[in-house]
Amino acid sequence: MPQIPALIPAQMLSPAEQALALKLVTEMDLLRLKAIARLHARGLPPDVGWDDLLQEAITRVLVGSRKVPEDVPMVAFIAGIMRSLRTEHWRRHARGFGHERVLLDHTAGEPERDIVELRDPSPTPERALAAEQELAAIARLFADDPVALRILACLGEGMSAEQIRVVTGLSKTDYDSARKRMRRALLREGLTCQPK
């Protein structure tokens, strides 16, 4: 009977190595992480922003509550933490936390007779999966286009076209060309970024 090889546990980075690996994250890596955070934040309650997910993931690496394996790139590891955080938020909502109280009928002067309904603001699993798949496809589509990633990051921040041009250093013509290129790519792939 053949022997099954024993699994070799992955070597973990020390806290100092983890901090150094975070310092070595490039601007492009940070743009990718921001885009990934935006993807994971879609469908979460309004009080949970993409920046909350990213900061919490980085904090968990810095304080050592999440150990980084040597053979896993820092960007991939942080992306995995953000995915876990998103799932954590959805589970919390599934257990009843975060339900919104919606007033359906108000009897003047008699608050104890108000008719209230609890509504869950979190997306259904089907919508969440569809959104995640579409956002992952968008991220893959522009993975090799740093200009598009920067524009997407700025759009996610709610910046206007003029603000984006200032931040990215693009001329009006370059910005318009990049947006057209992005729009065509999205349409070609059938990614409309519209709720279904």
C-alpha atoms as a PDB file:
ATOM      1  CA  MET A   1       0.000   0.000   0.000  1.00  0.00           C
ATOM      2  CA  PRO A   2       1.546   3.349  -1.036  1.00  0.00           C
ATOM      3  CA  GLN A   3       2.435   5.798   1.688  1.00  0.00           C
ATOM      4  CA  ILE A   4       0.602   9.101   1.705  1.00  0.00           C
ATOM      5  CA  PRO A   5       3.157  11.860   2.174  1.00  0.00           C
ATOM      6  CA  ALA A   6       2.714  13.904   5.306  1.00  0.00           C
ATOM      7  CA  LEU A   7       1.635  17.474   4.743  1.00  0.00           C
ATOM      8  CA  ILE A   8       4.403  19.912   5.408  1.00  0.00           C
ATOM      9  CA  PRO A   9       3.087  22.904   7.311  1.00  0.00           C
ATOM     10  CA  ALA A  10       3.664  26.193   5.525  1.00  0.00           C
ATOM     11  CA  GLN A  11       6.379  28.405   6.951  1.00  0.00           C
ATOM     12  CA  MET A  12       4.938  31.635   8.303  1.00  0.00           C
ATOM     13  CA  LEU A  13       6.506  35.064   8.157  1.00  0.00           C
ATOM     14  CA  SER A  14       7.633  36.555  11.442  1.00  0.00           C
ATOM     15  CA  PRO A  15       5.874  39.752  12.618  1.00  0.00           C
ATOM     16  CA  ALA A  16       8.885  41.803  11.436  1.00  0.00           C
ATOM     17  CA  GLU A  17       8.802  40.069   8.026  1.00  0.00           C
ATOM     18  CA  GLN A  18       5.052  40.704   7.772  1.00  0.00           C
ATOM     19  CA  ALA A  19       5.591  44.414   8.477  1.00  0.00           C
ATOM     20  CA  LEU A  20       8.373  44.537   5.882  1.00  0.00           C
ATOM     21  CA  ALA A  21       6.192  42.756   3.317  1.00  0.00           C
ATOM     22  CA  LEU A  22       3.495  45.387   3.897  1.00  0.00           C
ATOM     23  CA  LYS A  23       6.048  48.177   3.394  1.00  0.00           C
ATOM     24  CA  LEU A  24       7.018  46.621   0.059  1.00  0.00           C
ATOM     25  CA  VAL A  25       3.467  46.827  -1.289  1.00  0.00           C
ATOM     26  CA  THR A  26       3.681  49.008  -4.395  1.00  0.00           C
ATOM     27  CA  GLU A  27       1.277  51.730  -5.487  1.00  0.00           C
ATOM     28  CA  MET A  28      -0.043  49.349  -8.156  1.00  0.00           C
ATOM     29  CA  ASP A  29      -0.587  46.671  -5.493  1.00  0.00           C
ATOM     30  CA  LEU A  30      -2.446  49.206  -3.384  1.00  0.00           C
ATOM     31  CA  LEU A  31      -4.664  50.124  -6.339  1.00  0.00           C
ATOM     32  CA  ARG A  32      -5.433  46.447  -6.837  1.00  0.00           C
ATOM     33  CA  LEU A  33      -6.246  46.055  -3.140  1.00  0.00           C
ATOM     34  CA  LYS A  34      -8.548  49.077  -3.257  1.00  0.00           C
ATOM     35  CA  ALA A  35     -10.340  47.660  -6.289  1.00  0.00           C
ATOM     36  CA  ILE A  36     -10.678  44.275  -4.580  1.00  0.00           C
ATOM     37  CA  ALA A  37     -11.982  45.986  -1.428  1.00  0.00           C
ATOM     38  CA  ARG A  38     -14.609  47.797  -3.494  1.00  0.00           C
ATOM     39  CA  LEU A  39     -15.645  44.493  -5.022  1.00  0.00           C
ATOM     40  CA  HIS A  40     -16.040  42.871  -1.626  1.00  0.00           C
ATOM     41  CA  ALA A  41     -17.867  45.862  -0.147  1.00  0.00           C
ATOM     42  CA  ARG A  42     -20.665  45.737  -2.725  1.00  0.00           C
ATOM     43  CA  GLY A  43     -23.880  44.637  -1.099  1.00  0.00           C
ATOM     44  CA  LEU A  44     -22.615  45.156   2.437  1.00  0.00           C
ATOM     45  CA  PRO A  45     -24.530  47.499   4.756  1.00  0.00           C
ATOM     46  CA  PRO A  46     -23.910  51.199   4.107  1.00  0.00           C
ATOM     47  CA  ASP A  47     -21.986  51.576   7.367  1.00  0.00           C
ATOM     48  CA  VAL A  48     -19.311  49.158   6.085  1.00  0.00           C
ATOM     49  CA  GLY A  49     -17.166  50.810   3.433  1.00  0.00           C
ATOM     50  CA  TRP A  50     -14.517  49.324   1.202  1.00  0.00           C
ATOM     51  CA  ASP A  51     -11.883  51.265   3.109  1.00  0.00           C
ATOM     52  CA  ASP A  52     -13.078  49.631   6.347  1.00  0.00           C
ATOM     53  CA  LEU A  53     -12.478  46.191   4.835  1.00  0.00           C
ATOM     54  CA  LEU A  54      -9.007  47.133   3.582  1.00  0.00           C
ATOM     55  CA  GLN A  55      -7.938  48.783   6.830  1.00  0.00           C
ATOM     56  CA  GLU A  56      -9.222  45.905   8.950  1.00  0.00           C
ATOM     57  CA  ALA A  57      -7.378  43.377   6.771  1.00  0.00           C
ATOM     58  CA  ILE A  58      -4.106  45.303   7.012  1.00  0.00           C
ATOM     59  CA  THR A  59      -4.592  45.766  10.762  1.00  0.00           C
ATOM     60  CA  ARG A  60      -5.028  42.026  11.228  1.00  0.00           C
ATOM     61  CA  VAL A  61      -1.732  41.437   9.447  1.00  0.00           C
ATOM     62  CA  LEU A  62       0.067  44.134  11.467  1.00  0.00           C
ATOM     63  CA  VAL A  63      -1.153  42.985  14.878  1.00  0.00           C
ATOM     64  CA  GLY A  64      -0.374  39.378  13.990  1.00  0.00           C
ATOM     65  CA  SER A  65      -3.870  37.961  14.353  1.00  0.00           C
ATOM     66  CA  ARG A  66      -3.458  36.621  10.808  1.00  0.00           C
ATOM     67  CA  LYS A  67      -0.174  34.900   9.988  1.00  0.00           C
ATOM     68  CA  VAL A  68       1.146  35.203   6.446  1.00  0.00           C
ATOM     69  CA  PRO A  69       2.591  32.076   4.802  1.00  0.00           C
ATOM     70  CA  GLU A  70       5.960  32.638   3.125  1.00  0.00           C
ATOM     71  CA  ASP A  71       4.765  31.428  -0.256  1.00  0.00           C
ATOM     72  CA  VAL A  72       1.636  33.614  -0.496  1.00  0.00           C
ATOM     73  CA  PRO A  73       1.906  37.082  -2.045  1.00  0.00           C
ATOM     74  CA  MET A  74       0.829  39.857   0.335  1.00  0.00           C
ATOM     75  CA  VAL A  75      -1.825  41.179  -2.080  1.00  0.00           C
ATOM     76  CA  ALA A  76      -3.439  37.746  -2.361  1.00  0.00           C
ATOM     77  CA  PHE A  77      -3.304  37.262   1.397  1.00  0.00           C
ATOM     78  CA  ILE A  78      -4.933  40.626   2.161  1.00  0.00           C
ATOM     79  CA  ALA A  79      -7.568  39.942  -0.512  1.00  0.00           C
ATOM     80  CA  GLY A  80      -8.364  36.667   1.259  1.00  0.00           C
ATOM     81  CA  ILE A  81      -8.762  38.452   4.586  1.00  0.00           C
ATOM     82  CA  MET A  82     -11.164  40.949   2.996  1.00  0.00           C
ATOM     83  CA  ARG A  83     -13.192  38.054   1.547  1.00  0.00           C
ATOM     84  CA  SER A  84     -13.398  36.552   5.043  1.00  0.00           C
ATOM     85  CA  LEU A  85     -14.451  39.893   6.517  1.00  0.00           C
ATOM     86  CA  ARG A  86     -17.205  40.224   3.915  1.00  0.00           C
ATOM     87  CA  THR A  87     -18.469  36.752   4.783  1.00  0.00           C
ATOM     88  CA  GLU A  88     -18.352  37.668   8.477  1.00  0.00           C
ATOM     89  CA  HIS A  89     -20.568  40.705   7.850  1.00  0.00           C
ATOM     90  CA  TRP A  90     -23.054  38.663   5.818  1.00  0.00           C
ATOM     91  CA  ARG A  91     -23.243  35.985   8.520  1.00  0.00           C
ATOM     92  CA  ARG A  92     -23.903  38.639  11.127  1.00  0.00           C
ATOM     93  CA  HIS A  93     -26.814  39.901   9.059  1.00  0.00           C
ATOM     94  CA  ALA A  94     -28.114  36.383   8.525  1.00  0.00           C
ATOM     95  CA  ARG A  95     -28.307  35.950  12.317  1.00  0.00           C
ATOM     96  CA  GLY A  96     -30.507  39.028  12.561  1.00  0.00           C
ATOM     97  CA  PHE A  97     -28.047  41.767  13.356  1.00  0.00           C
ATOM     98  CA  GLY A  98     -28.405  44.817  11.195  1.00  0.00           C
ATOM     99  CA  HIS A  99     -32.071  44.372  10.326  1.00  0.00           C
ATOM    100  CA  GLU A 100     -33.710  47.699   9.600  1.00  0.00           C
ATOM    101  CA  ARG A 101     -36.867  48.692  11.432  1.00  0.00           C
ATOM    102  CA  VAL A 102     -39.272  50.080   8.846  1.00  0.00           C
ATOM    103  CA  LEU A 103     -42.337  51.971  10.051  1.00  0.00           C
ATOM    104  CA  LEU A 104     -45.327  50.802   8.016  1.00  0.00           C
ATOM    105  CA  ASP A 105     -48.105  52.611   9.857  1.00  0.00           C
ATOM    106  CA  HIS A 106     -47.985  55.238  12.563  1.00  0.00           C
ATOM    107  CA  THR A 107     -50.879  55.874  14.890  1.00  0.00           C
ATOM    108  CA  ALA A 108     -50.561  59.492  16.026  1.00  0.00           C
ATOM    109  CA  GLY A 109     -49.721  59.738  19.681  1.00  0.00           C
ATOM    110  CA  GLU A 110     -49.682  55.985  20.237  1.00  0.00           C
ATOM    111  CA  PRO A 111     -46.181  54.655  19.475  1.00  0.00           C
ATOM    112  CA  GLU A 112     -46.987  51.282  21.045  1.00  0.00           C
ATOM    113  CA  ARG A 113     -49.533  50.708  18.248  1.00  0.00           C
ATOM    114  CA  ASP A 114     -47.086  51.490  15.416  1.00  0.00           C
ATOM    115  CA  ILE A 115     -46.770  48.721  12.880  1.00  0.00           C
ATOM    116  CA  VAL A 116     -43.095  47.953  12.333  1.00  0.00           C
ATOM    117  CA  GLU A 117     -41.452  45.436  10.017  1.00  0.00           C
ATOM    118  CA  LEU A 118     -37.900  44.142  10.253  1.00  0.00           C
ATOM    119  CA  ARG A 119     -36.164  44.068   6.882  1.00  0.00           C
ATOM    120  CA  ASP A 120     -32.808  42.587   6.103  1.00  0.00           C
ATOM    121  CA  PRO A 121     -30.820  45.066   3.982  1.00  0.00           C
ATOM    122  CA  SER A 122     -28.205  42.490   2.981  1.00  0.00           C
ATOM    123  CA  PRO A 123     -28.382  41.030  -0.525  1.00  0.00           C
ATOM    124  CA  THR A 124     -29.731  37.599  -1.231  1.00  0.00           C
ATOM    125  CA  PRO A 125     -27.036  34.958  -1.736  1.00  0.00           C
ATOM    126  CA  GLU A 126     -27.870  34.848  -5.447  1.00  0.00           C
ATOM    127  CA  ARG A 127     -27.451  38.621  -5.896  1.00  0.00           C
ATOM    128  CA  ALA A 128     -24.282  38.607  -3.812  1.00  0.00           C
ATOM    129  CA  LEU A 129     -22.793  35.799  -5.903  1.00  0.00           C
ATOM    130  CA  ALA A 130     -23.754  37.512  -9.157  1.00  0.00           C
ATOM    131  CA  ALA A 131     -22.244  40.806  -7.970  1.00  0.00           C
ATOM    132  CA  GLU A 132     -19.068  39.078  -6.815  1.00  0.00           C
ATOM    133  CA  GLN A 133     -18.670  37.274 -10.121  1.00  0.00           C
ATOM    134  CA  GLU A 134     -19.264  40.434 -12.152  1.00  0.00           C
ATOM    135  CA  LEU A 135     -16.830  42.468 -10.076  1.00  0.00           C
ATOM    136  CA  ALA A 136     -14.190  39.755 -10.259  1.00  0.00           C
ATOM    137  CA  ALA A 137     -14.600  39.729 -14.042  1.00  0.00           C
ATOM    138  CA  ILE A 138     -14.144  43.517 -14.134  1.00  0.00           C
ATOM    139  CA  ALA A 139     -11.025  43.253 -11.992  1.00  0.00           C
ATOM    140  CA  ARG A 140      -9.582  40.566 -14.302  1.00  0.00           C
ATOM    141  CA  LEU A 141     -10.499  42.583 -17.381  1.00  0.00           C
ATOM    142  CA  PHE A 142      -8.430  45.577 -16.262  1.00  0.00           C
ATOM    143  CA  ALA A 143      -5.703  43.740 -14.315  1.00  0.00           C
ATOM    144  CA  ASP A 144      -3.060  44.686 -16.912  1.00  0.00           C
ATOM    145  CA  ASP A 145      -4.266  48.266 -17.390  1.00  0.00           C
ATOM    146  CA  PRO A 146      -2.882  50.493 -14.601  1.00  0.00           C
ATOM    147  CA  VAL A 147      -4.604  53.597 -16.001  1.00  0.00           C
ATOM    148  CA  ALA A 148      -7.994  51.872 -15.949  1.00  0.00           C
ATOM    149  CA  LEU A 149      -7.354  50.585 -12.409  1.00  0.00           C
ATOM    150  CA  ARG A 150      -6.504  54.087 -11.207  1.00  0.00           C
ATOM    151  CA  ILE A 151      -9.619  55.511 -12.849  1.00  0.00           C
ATOM    152  CA  LEU A 152     -11.757  52.746 -11.314  1.00  0.00           C
ATOM    153  CA  ALA A 153     -10.237  53.441  -7.891  1.00  0.00           C
ATOM    154  CA  CYS A 154     -11.000  57.143  -8.239  1.00  0.00           C
ATOM    155  CA  LEU A 155     -14.542  56.461  -9.448  1.00  0.00           C
ATOM    156  CA  GLY A 156     -15.016  54.258  -6.410  1.00  0.00           C
ATOM    157  CA  GLU A 157     -14.013  57.235  -4.282  1.00  0.00           C
ATOM    158  CA  GLY A 158     -16.797  59.242  -5.925  1.00  0.00           C
ATOM    159  CA  MET A 159     -14.440  61.616  -7.692  1.00  0.00           C
ATOM    160  CA  SER A 160     -15.528  63.720 -10.654  1.00  0.00           C
ATOM    161  CA  ALA A 161     -13.799  63.484 -14.042  1.00  0.00           C
ATOM    162  CA  GLU A 162     -11.868  66.674 -13.306  1.00  0.00           C
ATOM    163  CA  GLN A 163     -10.687  65.376  -9.921  1.00  0.00           C
ATOM    164  CA  ILE A 164      -9.636  62.072 -11.490  1.00  0.00           C
ATOM    165  CA  ARG A 165      -7.599  63.895 -14.140  1.00  0.00           C
ATOM    166  CA  VAL A 166      -5.821  65.903 -11.440  1.00  0.00           C
ATOM    167  CA  VAL A 167      -5.080  62.833  -9.302  1.00  0.00           C
ATOM    168  CA  THR A 168      -3.943  60.657 -12.209  1.00  0.00           C
ATOM    169  CA  GLY A 169      -2.174  63.380 -14.165  1.00  0.00           C
ATOM    170  CA  LEU A 170      -4.123  62.510 -17.315  1.00  0.00           C
ATOM    171  CA  SER A 171      -4.997  65.113 -19.912  1.00  0.00           C
ATOM    172  CA  LYS A 172      -8.664  65.498 -20.858  1.00  0.00           C
ATOM    173  CA  THR A 173      -7.990  63.622 -24.108  1.00  0.00           C
ATOM    174  CA  ASP A 174      -6.119  60.776 -22.353  1.00  0.00           C
ATOM    175  CA  TYR A 175      -8.849  60.498 -19.723  1.00  0.00           C
ATOM    176  CA  ASP A 176     -11.639  60.441 -22.321  1.00  0.00           C
ATOM    177  CA  SER A 177      -9.742  57.857 -24.380  1.00  0.00           C
ATOM    178  CA  ALA A 178      -9.236  55.644 -21.332  1.00  0.00           C
ATOM    179  CA  ARG A 179     -12.922  55.871 -20.388  1.00  0.00           C
ATOM    180  CA  LYS A 180     -13.970  54.958 -23.950  1.00  0.00           C
ATOM    181  CA  ARG A 181     -11.533  52.031 -23.924  1.00  0.00           C
ATOM    182  CA  MET A 182     -12.945  50.890 -20.571  1.00  0.00           C
ATOM    183  CA  ARG A 183     -16.561  51.285 -21.709  1.00  0.00           C
ATOM    184  CA  ARG A 184     -15.901  49.291 -24.891  1.00  0.00           C
ATOM    185  CA  ALA A 185     -14.161  46.532 -22.954  1.00  0.00           C
ATOM    186  CA  LEU A 186     -17.047  46.323 -20.470  1.00  0.00           C
ATOM    187  CA  LEU A 187     -19.638  46.206 -23.252  1.00  0.00           C
ATOM    188  CA  ARG A 188     -17.619  43.656 -25.230  1.00  0.00           C
ATOM    189  CA  GLU A 189     -17.534  41.398 -22.167  1.00  0.00           C
ATOM    190  CA  GLY A 190     -21.198  42.060 -21.341  1.00  0.00           C
ATOM    191  CA  LEU A 191     -20.321  43.704 -18.029  1.00  0.00           C
ATOM    192  CA  THR A 192     -22.707  46.597 -17.592  1.00  0.00           C
ATOM    193  CA  CYS A 193     -22.189  47.268 -13.867  1.00  0.00           C
ATOM    194  CA  GLN A 194     -25.952  47.694 -13.586  1.00  0.00           C
ATOM    195  CA  PRO A 195     -28.030  46.009 -10.852  1.00  0.00           C
ATOM    196  CA  LYS A 196     -30.088  43.150 -12.207  1.00  0.00           C
END
